[in-house]
PDB file of all heavy atoms in Angstrom:
ATOM      1  N   VAL A   1      12.611  -6.988  -8.894  1.00  0.00           N
ATOM      2  CA  VAL A   1      11.676  -6.910  -7.817  1.00  0.00           C
ATOM      3  C   VAL A   1      12.081  -5.664  -6.958  1.00  0.00           C
ATOM      4  O   VAL A   1      13.281  -5.523  -6.649  1.00  0.00           O
ATOM      5  CB  VAL A   1      11.750  -8.145  -6.939  1.00  0.00           C
ATOM      6  CG1 VAL A   1      10.883  -8.043  -5.697  1.00  0.00           C
ATOM      7  CG2 VAL A   1      11.379  -9.381  -7.758  1.00  0.00           C
ATOM      8  N   LEU A   2      11.133  -4.901  -6.558  1.00  0.00           N
ATOM      9  CA  LEU A   2      11.385  -3.739  -5.652  1.00  0.00           C
ATOM     10  C   LEU A   2      10.512  -3.981  -4.412  1.00  0.00           C
ATOM     11  O   LEU A   2       9.310  -3.981  -4.475  1.00  0.00           O
ATOM     12  CB  LEU A   2      11.015  -2.453  -6.388  1.00  0.00           C
ATOM     13  CG  LEU A   2      11.078  -1.177  -5.467  1.00  0.00           C
ATOM     14  CD1 LEU A   2      12.513  -0.970  -4.941  1.00  0.00           C
ATOM     15  CD2 LEU A   2      10.607   0.006  -6.248  1.00  0.00           C
ATOM     16  N   GLY A   3      11.204  -4.141  -3.313  1.00  0.00           N
ATOM     17  CA  GLY A   3      10.540  -4.243  -2.018  1.00  0.00           C
ATOM     18  C   GLY A   3      10.366  -5.659  -1.527  1.00  0.00           C
ATOM     19  O   GLY A   3       9.727  -6.471  -2.167  1.00  0.00           O
ATOM     20  N   CYS A   4      10.981  -5.927  -0.369  1.00  0.00           N
ATOM     21  CA  CYS A   4      10.858  -7.245   0.261  1.00  0.00           C
ATOM     22  C   CYS A   4      10.329  -7.067   1.721  1.00  0.00           C
ATOM     23  O   CYS A   4       9.900  -8.022   2.308  1.00  0.00           O
ATOM     24  CB  CYS A   4      12.207  -7.983   0.313  1.00  0.00           C
ATOM     25  SG  CYS A   4      12.857  -8.359  -1.287  1.00  0.00           S
ATOM     26  N   SER A   5      10.424  -5.878   2.289  1.00  0.00           N
ATOM     27  CA  SER A   5      10.062  -5.634   3.666  1.00  0.00           C
ATOM     28  C   SER A   5       8.598  -5.850   4.002  1.00  0.00           C
ATOM     29  O   SER A   5       8.272  -6.045   5.166  1.00  0.00           O
ATOM     30  CB  SER A   5      10.498  -4.237   4.084  1.00  0.00           C
ATOM     31  OG  SER A   5      11.918  -4.062   3.949  1.00  0.00           O
ATOM     32  N   TRP A   6       7.727  -5.829   3.029  1.00  0.00           N
ATOM     33  CA  TRP A   6       6.281  -6.052   3.226  1.00  0.00           C
ATOM     34  C   TRP A   6       6.009  -7.478   3.693  1.00  0.00           C
ATOM     35  O   TRP A   6       4.954  -7.710   4.274  1.00  0.00           O
ATOM     36  CB  TRP A   6       5.546  -5.804   1.894  1.00  0.00           C
ATOM     37  CG  TRP A   6       5.919  -6.870   0.871  1.00  0.00           C
ATOM     38  CD1 TRP A   6       6.976  -6.815   0.048  1.00  0.00           C
ATOM     39  CD2 TRP A   6       5.251  -8.131   0.688  1.00  0.00           C
ATOM     40  NE1 TRP A   6       7.034  -7.985  -0.656  1.00  0.00           N
ATOM     41  CE2 TRP A   6       5.992  -8.798  -0.304  1.00  0.00           C
ATOM     42  CE3 TRP A   6       4.112  -8.734   1.228  1.00  0.00           C
ATOM     43  CZ2 TRP A   6       5.599 -10.047  -0.770  1.00  0.00           C
ATOM     44  CZ3 TRP A   6       3.766  -9.950   0.781  1.00  0.00           C
ATOM     45  CH2 TRP A   6       4.508 -10.632  -0.237  1.00  0.00           C
ATOM     46  N   LEU A   7       6.960  -8.395   3.464  1.00  0.00           N
ATOM     47  CA  LEU A   7       6.724  -9.822   3.717  1.00  0.00           C
ATOM     48  C   LEU A   7       6.989 -10.252   5.159  1.00  0.00           C
ATOM     49  O   LEU A   7       6.426 -11.212   5.642  1.00  0.00           O
ATOM     50  CB  LEU A   7       7.584 -10.640   2.779  1.00  0.00           C
ATOM     51  CG  LEU A   7       7.412 -12.137   2.695  1.00  0.00           C
ATOM     52  CD1 LEU A   7       5.951 -12.526   2.471  1.00  0.00           C
ATOM     53  CD2 LEU A   7       8.281 -12.750   1.639  1.00  0.00           C
ATOM     54  N   PHE A   8       7.865  -9.492   5.861  1.00  0.00           N
ATOM     55  CA  PHE A   8       8.274  -9.912   7.182  1.00  0.00           C
ATOM     56  C   PHE A   8       8.069  -8.792   8.233  1.00  0.00           C
ATOM     57  O   PHE A   8       8.354  -7.643   7.967  1.00  0.00           O
ATOM     58  CB  PHE A   8       9.802 -10.262   7.187  1.00  0.00           C
ATOM     59  CG  PHE A   8      10.113 -11.383   6.201  1.00  0.00           C
ATOM     60  CD1 PHE A   8      10.717 -11.064   4.977  1.00  0.00           C
ATOM     61  CD2 PHE A   8       9.830 -12.732   6.459  1.00  0.00           C
ATOM     62  CE1 PHE A   8      11.040 -12.088   4.075  1.00  0.00           C
ATOM     63  CE2 PHE A   8      10.164 -13.691   5.567  1.00  0.00           C
ATOM     64  CZ  PHE A   8      10.740 -13.402   4.332  1.00  0.00           C
ATOM     65  N   PRO A   9       7.539  -9.194   9.456  1.00  0.00           N
ATOM     66  CA  PRO A   9       7.415  -8.162  10.475  1.00  0.00           C
ATOM     67  C   PRO A   9       8.760  -7.541  10.747  1.00  0.00           C
ATOM     68  O   PRO A   9       9.767  -8.232  10.615  1.00  0.00           O
ATOM     69  CB  PRO A   9       6.902  -8.973  11.696  1.00  0.00           C
ATOM     70  CG  PRO A   9       6.345 -10.224  11.112  1.00  0.00           C
ATOM     71  CD  PRO A   9       7.144 -10.508   9.846  1.00  0.00           C
ATOM     72  N   PRO A  10       8.831  -6.276  11.099  1.00  0.00           N
ATOM     73  CA  PRO A  10       7.753  -5.440  11.491  1.00  0.00           C
ATOM     74  C   PRO A  10       7.091  -4.626  10.304  1.00  0.00           C
ATOM     75  O   PRO A  10       6.392  -3.645  10.501  1.00  0.00           O
ATOM     76  CB  PRO A  10       8.407  -4.432  12.453  1.00  0.00           C
ATOM     77  CG  PRO A  10       9.800  -4.296  11.900  1.00  0.00           C
ATOM     78  CD  PRO A  10      10.148  -5.630  11.310  1.00  0.00           C
ATOM     79  N   TYR A  11       7.281  -5.109   9.080  1.00  0.00           N
ATOM     80  CA  TYR A  11       6.716  -4.500   7.872  1.00  0.00           C
ATOM     81  C   TYR A  11       7.061  -3.025   7.712  1.00  0.00           C
ATOM     82  O   TYR A  11       6.292  -2.127   7.558  1.00  0.00           O
ATOM     83  CB  TYR A  11       5.180  -4.663   7.845  1.00  0.00           C
ATOM     84  CG  TYR A  11       4.743  -6.056   8.100  1.00  0.00           C
ATOM     85  CD1 TYR A  11       3.941  -6.320   9.193  1.00  0.00           C
ATOM     86  CD2 TYR A  11       5.102  -7.121   7.252  1.00  0.00           C
ATOM     87  CE1 TYR A  11       3.513  -7.670   9.425  1.00  0.00           C
ATOM     88  CE2 TYR A  11       4.685  -8.399   7.484  1.00  0.00           C
ATOM     89  CZ  TYR A  11       3.912  -8.681   8.609  1.00  0.00           C
ATOM     90  OH  TYR A  11       3.507  -9.939   8.809  1.00  0.00           O
ATOM     91  N   ARG A  12       8.396  -2.779   7.860  1.00  0.00           N
ATOM     92  CA  ARG A  12       8.988  -1.432   7.649  1.00  0.00           C
ATOM     93  C   ARG A  12      10.119  -1.563   6.660  1.00  0.00           C
ATOM     94  O   ARG A  12      10.867  -2.546   6.677  1.00  0.00           O
ATOM     95  CB  ARG A  12       9.462  -0.888   9.002  1.00  0.00           C
ATOM     96  CG  ARG A  12       8.400  -0.687   9.985  1.00  0.00           C
ATOM     97  CD  ARG A  12       8.553   0.604  10.750  1.00  0.00           C
ATOM     98  NE  ARG A  12       7.377   0.902  11.540  1.00  0.00           N
ATOM     99  CZ  ARG A  12       6.470   1.820  11.204  1.00  0.00           C
ATOM    100  NH1 ARG A  12       6.646   2.554  10.126  1.00  0.00           N
ATOM    101  NH2 ARG A  12       5.474   2.042  11.952  1.00  0.00           N
ATOM    102  N   TRP A  13      10.240  -0.558   5.819  1.00  0.00           N
ATOM    103  CA  TRP A  13      11.318  -0.577   4.799  1.00  0.00           C
ATOM    104  C   TRP A  13      12.654  -0.568   5.457  1.00  0.00           C
ATOM    105  O   TRP A  13      12.973   0.255   6.299  1.00  0.00           O
ATOM    106  CB  TRP A  13      11.174   0.558   3.839  1.00  0.00           C
ATOM    107  CG  TRP A  13       9.928   0.543   3.019  1.00  0.00           C
ATOM    108  CD1 TRP A  13       8.894   1.456   3.057  1.00  0.00           C
ATOM    109  CD2 TRP A  13       9.518  -0.445   2.102  1.00  0.00           C
ATOM    110  NE1 TRP A  13       7.935   1.072   2.214  1.00  0.00           N
ATOM    111  CE2 TRP A  13       8.249  -0.126   1.587  1.00  0.00           C
ATOM    112  CE3 TRP A  13      10.100  -1.643   1.679  1.00  0.00           C
ATOM    113  CZ2 TRP A  13       7.576  -0.863   0.642  1.00  0.00           C
ATOM    114  CZ3 TRP A  13       9.420  -2.367   0.730  1.00  0.00           C
ATOM    115  CH2 TRP A  13       8.187  -1.982   0.233  1.00  0.00           C
ATOM    116  N   GLN A  14      13.519  -1.501   5.011  1.00  0.00           N
ATOM    117  CA  GLN A  14      14.887  -1.577   5.466  1.00  0.00           C
ATOM    118  C   GLN A  14      15.825  -0.645   4.707  1.00  0.00           C
ATOM    119  O   GLN A  14      16.893  -0.293   5.202  1.00  0.00           O
ATOM    120  CB  GLN A  14      15.431  -3.006   5.351  1.00  0.00           C
ATOM    121  CG  GLN A  14      14.615  -4.034   6.208  1.00  0.00           C
ATOM    122  CD  GLN A  14      14.674  -3.667   7.693  1.00  0.00           C
ATOM    123  OE1 GLN A  14      15.739  -3.500   8.269  1.00  0.00           O
ATOM    124  NE2 GLN A  14      13.499  -3.560   8.260  1.00  0.00           N
ATOM    125  N   PHE A  15      15.408  -0.270   3.499  1.00  0.00           N
ATOM    126  CA  PHE A  15      16.158   0.653   2.649  1.00  0.00           C
ATOM    127  C   PHE A  15      15.170   1.687   2.168  1.00  0.00           C
ATOM    128  O   PHE A  15      13.990   1.614   2.403  1.00  0.00           O
ATOM    129  CB  PHE A  15      16.790  -0.069   1.437  1.00  0.00           C
ATOM    130  CG  PHE A  15      17.711  -1.170   1.814  1.00  0.00           C
ATOM    131  CD1 PHE A  15      17.443  -2.477   1.445  1.00  0.00           C
ATOM    132  CD2 PHE A  15      18.916  -0.931   2.481  1.00  0.00           C
ATOM    133  CE1 PHE A  15      18.312  -3.522   1.772  1.00  0.00           C
ATOM    134  CE2 PHE A  15      19.797  -1.948   2.795  1.00  0.00           C
ATOM    135  CZ  PHE A  15      19.465  -3.244   2.452  1.00  0.00           C
ATOM    136  N   GLY A  16      15.670   2.616   1.362  1.00  0.00           N
ATOM    137  CA  GLY A  16      14.825   3.578   0.689  1.00  0.00           C
ATOM    138  C   GLY A  16      14.908   3.293  -0.820  1.00  0.00           C
ATOM    139  O   GLY A  16      15.770   2.516  -1.238  1.00  0.00           O
ATOM    140  N   ALA A  17      14.044   3.933  -1.627  1.00  0.00           N
ATOM    141  CA  ALA A  17      14.117   3.743  -3.057  1.00  0.00           C
ATOM    142  C   ALA A  17      13.680   5.038  -3.757  1.00  0.00           C
ATOM    143  O   ALA A  17      12.737   5.710  -3.315  1.00  0.00           O
ATOM    144  CB  ALA A  17      13.162   2.607  -3.499  1.00  0.00           C
ATOM    145  N   VAL A  18      14.424   5.349  -4.831  1.00  0.00           N
ATOM    146  CA  VAL A  18      14.140   6.572  -5.633  1.00  0.00           C
ATOM    147  C   VAL A  18      14.128   6.133  -7.119  1.00  0.00           C
ATOM    148  O   VAL A  18      15.096   5.453  -7.550  1.00  0.00           O
ATOM    149  CB  VAL A  18      15.200   7.655  -5.412  1.00  0.00           C
ATOM    150  CG1 VAL A  18      14.994   8.843  -6.323  1.00  0.00           C
ATOM    151  CG2 VAL A  18      15.228   8.091  -3.928  1.00  0.00           C
ATOM    152  N   SER A  19      13.132   6.557  -7.817  1.00  0.00           N
ATOM    153  CA  SER A  19      13.114   6.294  -9.275  1.00  0.00           C
ATOM    154  C   SER A  19      14.076   7.239  -9.947  1.00  0.00           C
ATOM    155  O   SER A  19      14.035   8.486  -9.705  1.00  0.00           O
ATOM    156  CB  SER A  19      11.715   6.566  -9.804  1.00  0.00           C
ATOM    157  OG  SER A  19      11.586   6.347 -11.172  1.00  0.00           O
ATOM    158  N   ILE A  20      14.968   6.733 -10.805  1.00  0.00           N
ATOM    159  CA  ILE A  20      15.952   7.593 -11.463  1.00  0.00           C
ATOM    160  C   ILE A  20      15.577   7.833 -12.936  1.00  0.00           C
ATOM    161  O   ILE A  20      16.206   8.651 -13.544  1.00  0.00           O
ATOM    162  CB  ILE A  20      17.351   7.063 -11.355  1.00  0.00           C
ATOM    163  CG1 ILE A  20      17.498   5.645 -11.792  1.00  0.00           C
ATOM    164  CG2 ILE A  20      17.819   7.183  -9.903  1.00  0.00           C
ATOM    165  CD1 ILE A  20      18.935   5.134 -11.783  1.00  0.00           C
ATOM    166  N   HIS A  21      14.633   7.069 -13.439  1.00  0.00           N
ATOM    167  CA  HIS A  21      14.022   7.293 -14.741  1.00  0.00           C
ATOM    168  C   HIS A  21      12.514   7.054 -14.547  1.00  0.00           C
ATOM    169  O   HIS A  21      12.153   6.442 -13.584  1.00  0.00           O
ATOM    170  CB  HIS A  21      14.567   6.288 -15.786  1.00  0.00           C
ATOM    171  CG  HIS A  21      16.025   6.447 -16.115  1.00  0.00           C
ATOM    172  ND1 HIS A  21      16.448   7.477 -16.895  1.00  0.00           N
ATOM    173  CD2 HIS A  21      17.111   5.795 -15.754  1.00  0.00           C
ATOM    174  CE1 HIS A  21      17.763   7.426 -17.039  1.00  0.00           C
ATOM    175  NE2 HIS A  21      18.175   6.388 -16.340  1.00  0.00           N
ATOM    176  N   THR A  22      11.728   7.469 -15.516  1.00  0.00           N
ATOM    177  CA  THR A  22      10.347   7.129 -15.457  1.00  0.00           C
ATOM    178  C   THR A  22      10.291   5.557 -15.375  1.00  0.00           C
ATOM    179  O   THR A  22      10.918   4.914 -16.208  1.00  0.00           O
ATOM    180  CB  THR A  22       9.572   7.618 -16.668  1.00  0.00           C
ATOM    181  OG1 THR A  22       9.634   9.045 -16.658  1.00  0.00           O
ATOM    182  CG2 THR A  22       8.126   7.176 -16.617  1.00  0.00           C
ATOM    183  N   THR A  23       9.629   5.070 -14.370  1.00  0.00           N
ATOM    184  CA  THR A  23       9.679   3.635 -14.076  1.00  0.00           C
ATOM    185  C   THR A  23       8.237   3.070 -14.029  1.00  0.00           C
ATOM    186  O   THR A  23       7.431   3.580 -13.291  1.00  0.00           O
ATOM    187  CB  THR A  23      10.392   3.412 -12.722  1.00  0.00           C
ATOM    188  OG1 THR A  23      11.697   3.932 -12.832  1.00  0.00           O
ATOM    189  CG2 THR A  23      10.453   1.887 -12.404  1.00  0.00           C
ATOM    190  N   GLU A  24       8.013   2.075 -14.867  1.00  0.00           N
ATOM    191  CA  GLU A  24       6.712   1.424 -14.891  1.00  0.00           C
ATOM    192  C   GLU A  24       6.819   0.138 -14.082  1.00  0.00           C
ATOM    193  O   GLU A  24       7.800  -0.602 -14.138  1.00  0.00           O
ATOM    194  CB  GLU A  24       6.281   1.118 -16.348  1.00  0.00           C
ATOM    195  CG  GLU A  24       6.063   2.387 -17.132  1.00  0.00           C
ATOM    196  CD  GLU A  24       5.724   2.106 -18.594  1.00  0.00           C
ATOM    197  OE1 GLU A  24       5.385   0.970 -18.951  1.00  0.00           O
ATOM    198  OE2 GLU A  24       5.826   3.053 -19.404  1.00  0.00           O
ATOM    199  N   VAL A  25       5.731  -0.108 -13.294  1.00  0.00           N
ATOM    200  CA  VAL A  25       5.741  -1.263 -12.379  1.00  0.00           C
ATOM    201  C   VAL A  25       4.406  -1.964 -12.351  1.00  0.00           C
ATOM    202  O   VAL A  25       3.379  -1.382 -12.743  1.00  0.00           O
ATOM    203  CB  VAL A  25       6.114  -0.839 -10.965  1.00  0.00           C
ATOM    204  CG1 VAL A  25       7.536  -0.195 -10.874  1.00  0.00           C
ATOM    205  CG2 VAL A  25       5.111   0.147 -10.399  1.00  0.00           C
ATOM    206  N   LEU A  26       4.487  -3.193 -11.871  1.00  0.00           N
ATOM    207  CA  LEU A  26       3.293  -3.889 -11.441  1.00  0.00           C
ATOM    208  C   LEU A  26       3.286  -3.806  -9.943  1.00  0.00           C
ATOM    209  O   LEU A  26       4.278  -4.274  -9.299  1.00  0.00           O
ATOM    210  CB  LEU A  26       3.238  -5.325 -11.920  1.00  0.00           C
ATOM    211  CG  LEU A  26       3.193  -5.539 -13.423  1.00  0.00           C
ATOM    212  CD1 LEU A  26       3.337  -7.029 -13.746  1.00  0.00           C
ATOM    213  CD2 LEU A  26       1.905  -4.963 -13.999  1.00  0.00           C
ATOM    214  N   ALA A  27       2.273  -3.173  -9.319  1.00  0.00           N
ATOM    215  CA  ALA A  27       2.247  -3.009  -7.876  1.00  0.00           C
ATOM    216  C   ALA A  27       1.370  -4.086  -7.240  1.00  0.00           C
ATOM    217  O   ALA A  27       0.280  -4.384  -7.745  1.00  0.00           O
ATOM    218  CB  ALA A  27       1.672  -1.632  -7.586  1.00  0.00           C
ATOM    219  N   PHE A  28       1.848  -4.663  -6.163  1.00  0.00           N
ATOM    220  CA  PHE A  28       1.098  -5.706  -5.427  1.00  0.00           C
ATOM    221  C   PHE A  28       0.760  -5.205  -4.031  1.00  0.00           C
ATOM    222  O   PHE A  28       1.652  -4.658  -3.324  1.00  0.00           O
ATOM    223  CB  PHE A  28       2.018  -6.981  -5.283  1.00  0.00           C
ATOM    224  CG  PHE A  28       2.233  -7.712  -6.574  1.00  0.00           C
ATOM    225  CD1 PHE A  28       3.135  -7.205  -7.489  1.00  0.00           C
ATOM    226  CD2 PHE A  28       1.541  -8.882  -6.843  1.00  0.00           C
ATOM    227  CE1 PHE A  28       3.387  -7.894  -8.666  1.00  0.00           C
ATOM    228  CE2 PHE A  28       1.793  -9.522  -8.045  1.00  0.00           C
ATOM    229  CZ  PHE A  28       2.695  -9.070  -8.935  1.00  0.00           C
ATOM    230  N   ASN A  29      -0.421  -5.432  -3.602  1.00  0.00           N
ATOM    231  CA  ASN A  29      -0.854  -5.095  -2.275  1.00  0.00           C
ATOM    232  C   ASN A  29      -0.221  -6.046  -1.271  1.00  0.00           C
ATOM    233  O   ASN A  29      -0.502  -7.250  -1.353  1.00  0.00           O
ATOM    234  CB  ASN A  29      -2.381  -5.128  -2.169  1.00  0.00           C
ATOM    235  CG  ASN A  29      -2.939  -4.829  -0.818  1.00  0.00           C
ATOM    236  OD1 ASN A  29      -2.743  -5.565   0.118  1.00  0.00           O
ATOM    237  ND2 ASN A  29      -3.558  -3.682  -0.714  1.00  0.00           N
ATOM    238  N   GLY A  30       0.606  -5.583  -0.354  1.00  0.00           N
ATOM    239  CA  GLY A  30       1.328  -6.399   0.571  1.00  0.00           C
ATOM    240  C   GLY A  30       0.470  -7.190   1.532  1.00  0.00           C
ATOM    241  O   GLY A  30       0.599  -8.426   1.651  1.00  0.00           O
ATOM    242  N   PRO A  31      -0.419  -6.552   2.296  1.00  0.00           N
ATOM    243  CA  PRO A  31      -1.236  -7.282   3.246  1.00  0.00           C
ATOM    244  C   PRO A  31      -2.153  -8.329   2.572  1.00  0.00           C
ATOM    245  O   PRO A  31      -2.252  -9.457   3.087  1.00  0.00           O
ATOM    246  CB  PRO A  31      -2.124  -6.191   3.931  1.00  0.00           C
ATOM    247  CG  PRO A  31      -1.261  -4.945   3.821  1.00  0.00           C
ATOM    248  CD  PRO A  31      -0.536  -5.060   2.502  1.00  0.00           C
ATOM    249  N   GLN A  32      -2.696  -8.017   1.424  1.00  0.00           N
ATOM    250  CA  GLN A  32      -3.546  -9.008   0.749  1.00  0.00           C
ATOM    251  C   GLN A  32      -2.691 -10.169   0.213  1.00  0.00           C
ATOM    252  O   GLN A  32      -3.100 -11.330   0.279  1.00  0.00           O
ATOM    253  CB  GLN A  32      -4.287  -8.346  -0.397  1.00  0.00           C
ATOM    254  CG  GLN A  32      -5.391  -7.426   0.077  1.00  0.00           C
ATOM    255  CD  GLN A  32      -6.104  -6.737  -1.063  1.00  0.00           C
ATOM    256  OE1 GLN A  32      -5.716  -6.871  -2.230  1.00  0.00           O
ATOM    257  NE2 GLN A  32      -7.146  -6.007  -0.739  1.00  0.00           N
ATOM    258  N   THR A  33      -1.446  -9.839  -0.249  1.00  0.00           N
ATOM    259  CA  THR A  33      -0.585 -10.866  -0.726  1.00  0.00           C
ATOM    260  C   THR A  33      -0.155 -11.784   0.433  1.00  0.00           C
ATOM    261  O   THR A  33      -0.091 -13.042   0.303  1.00  0.00           O
ATOM    262  CB  THR A  33       0.654 -10.294  -1.451  1.00  0.00           C
ATOM    263  OG1 THR A  33       0.167  -9.489  -2.548  1.00  0.00           O
ATOM    264  CG2 THR A  33       1.529 -11.388  -2.025  1.00  0.00           C
ATOM    265  N   ARG A  34       0.170 -11.205   1.591  1.00  0.00           N
ATOM    266  CA  ARG A  34       0.537 -12.024   2.759  1.00  0.00           C
ATOM    267  C   ARG A  34      -0.612 -12.945   3.130  1.00  0.00           C
ATOM    268  O   ARG A  34      -0.394 -14.163   3.400  1.00  0.00           O
ATOM    269  CB  ARG A  34       0.846 -11.113   4.004  1.00  0.00           C
ATOM    270  CG  ARG A  34       2.224 -10.523   3.968  1.00  0.00           C
ATOM    271  CD  ARG A  34       2.648  -9.967   5.278  1.00  0.00           C
ATOM    272  NE  ARG A  34       1.704  -9.050   5.894  1.00  0.00           N
ATOM    273  CZ  ARG A  34       1.702  -7.728   5.677  1.00  0.00           C
ATOM    274  NH1 ARG A  34       2.585  -7.175   4.923  1.00  0.00           N
ATOM    275  NH2 ARG A  34       0.814  -6.980   6.306  1.00  0.00           N
ATOM    276  N   ALA A  35      -1.844 -12.448   3.131  1.00  0.00           N
ATOM    277  CA  ALA A  35      -3.005 -13.287   3.423  1.00  0.00           C
ATOM    278  C   ALA A  35      -3.116 -14.441   2.426  1.00  0.00           C
ATOM    279  O   ALA A  35      -3.418 -15.602   2.786  1.00  0.00           O
ATOM    280  CB  ALA A  35      -4.287 -12.468   3.458  1.00  0.00           C
ATOM    281  N   LEU A  36      -2.869 -14.126   1.157  1.00  0.00           N
ATOM    282  CA  LEU A  36      -2.963 -15.203   0.097  1.00  0.00           C
ATOM    283  C   LEU A  36      -1.891 -16.217   0.339  1.00  0.00           C
ATOM    284  O   LEU A  36      -2.162 -17.435   0.264  1.00  0.00           O
ATOM    285  CB  LEU A  36      -2.810 -14.584  -1.289  1.00  0.00           C
ATOM    286  CG  LEU A  36      -2.676 -15.542  -2.414  1.00  0.00           C
ATOM    287  CD1 LEU A  36      -3.882 -16.434  -2.574  1.00  0.00           C
ATOM    288  CD2 LEU A  36      -2.367 -14.809  -3.756  1.00  0.00           C
ATOM    289  N   LEU A  37      -0.698 -15.818   0.664  1.00  0.00           N
ATOM    290  CA  LEU A  37       0.414 -16.747   0.907  1.00  0.00           C
ATOM    291  C   LEU A  37       0.151 -17.647   2.099  1.00  0.00           C
ATOM    292  O   LEU A  37       0.575 -18.812   2.106  1.00  0.00           O
ATOM    293  CB  LEU A  37       1.724 -16.024   1.012  1.00  0.00           C
ATOM    294  CG  LEU A  37       2.164 -15.169  -0.173  1.00  0.00           C
ATOM    295  CD1 LEU A  37       3.560 -14.533   0.036  1.00  0.00           C
ATOM    296  CD2 LEU A  37       2.088 -15.909  -1.482  1.00  0.00           C
ATOM    297  N   GLN A  38      -0.529 -17.121   3.098  1.00  0.00           N
ATOM    298  CA  GLN A  38      -0.891 -17.933   4.245  1.00  0.00           C
ATOM    299  C   GLN A  38      -2.010 -18.923   3.901  1.00  0.00           C
ATOM    300  O   GLN A  38      -1.965 -20.061   4.419  1.00  0.00           O
ATOM    301  CB  GLN A  38      -1.319 -17.053   5.413  1.00  0.00           C
ATOM    302  CG  GLN A  38      -0.211 -16.319   6.082  1.00  0.00           C
ATOM    303  CD  GLN A  38      -0.623 -15.373   7.137  1.00  0.00           C
ATOM    304  OE1 GLN A  38      -1.826 -15.118   7.335  1.00  0.00           O
ATOM    305  NE2 GLN A  38       0.332 -14.813   7.848  1.00  0.00           N
ATOM    306  N   SER A  39      -2.892 -18.528   3.055  1.00  0.00           N
ATOM    307  CA  SER A  39      -4.022 -19.454   2.698  1.00  0.00           C
ATOM    308  C   SER A  39      -3.651 -20.443   1.674  1.00  0.00           C
ATOM    309  O   SER A  39      -4.336 -21.449   1.514  1.00  0.00           O
ATOM    310  CB  SER A  39      -5.191 -18.634   2.227  1.00  0.00           C
ATOM    311  OG  SER A  39      -4.953 -18.065   0.971  1.00  0.00           O
ATOM    312  N   ASP A  40      -2.573 -20.285   0.936  1.00  0.00           N
ATOM    313  CA  ASP A  40      -2.110 -21.211  -0.102  1.00  0.00           C
ATOM    314  C   ASP A  40      -0.671 -21.529   0.194  1.00  0.00           C
ATOM    315  O   ASP A  40       0.265 -20.855  -0.315  1.00  0.00           O
ATOM    316  CB  ASP A  40      -2.283 -20.570  -1.487  1.00  0.00           C
ATOM    317  CG  ASP A  40      -1.972 -21.551  -2.645  1.00  0.00           C
ATOM    318  OD1 ASP A  40      -1.010 -22.355  -2.484  1.00  0.00           O
ATOM    319  OD2 ASP A  40      -2.631 -21.484  -3.631  1.00  0.00           O
ATOM    320  N   PRO A  41      -0.398 -22.534   1.029  1.00  0.00           N
ATOM    321  CA  PRO A  41       0.992 -22.870   1.433  1.00  0.00           C
ATOM    322  C   PRO A  41       1.930 -23.146   0.290  1.00  0.00           C
ATOM    323  O   PRO A  41       3.119 -22.745   0.390  1.00  0.00           O
ATOM    324  CB  PRO A  41       0.822 -24.088   2.323  1.00  0.00           C
ATOM    325  CG  PRO A  41      -0.593 -24.069   2.790  1.00  0.00           C
ATOM    326  CD  PRO A  41      -1.346 -23.447   1.685  1.00  0.00           C
TER     327      PRO A  41
END
C-alpha cells in the first residue's frame, strides 16, 4: 500500500515517495473513497 494520509485530516502527505523502478499501481480516488467509507460503516 502506498499512501495513508488521504484518509485522515488535514489530508497532507506525512512523507514523500519516489518510484525507484517502473512501478505499476492501482490508484484509488481518496475523496470518493472517504465518502464510500462513511456511507458503508
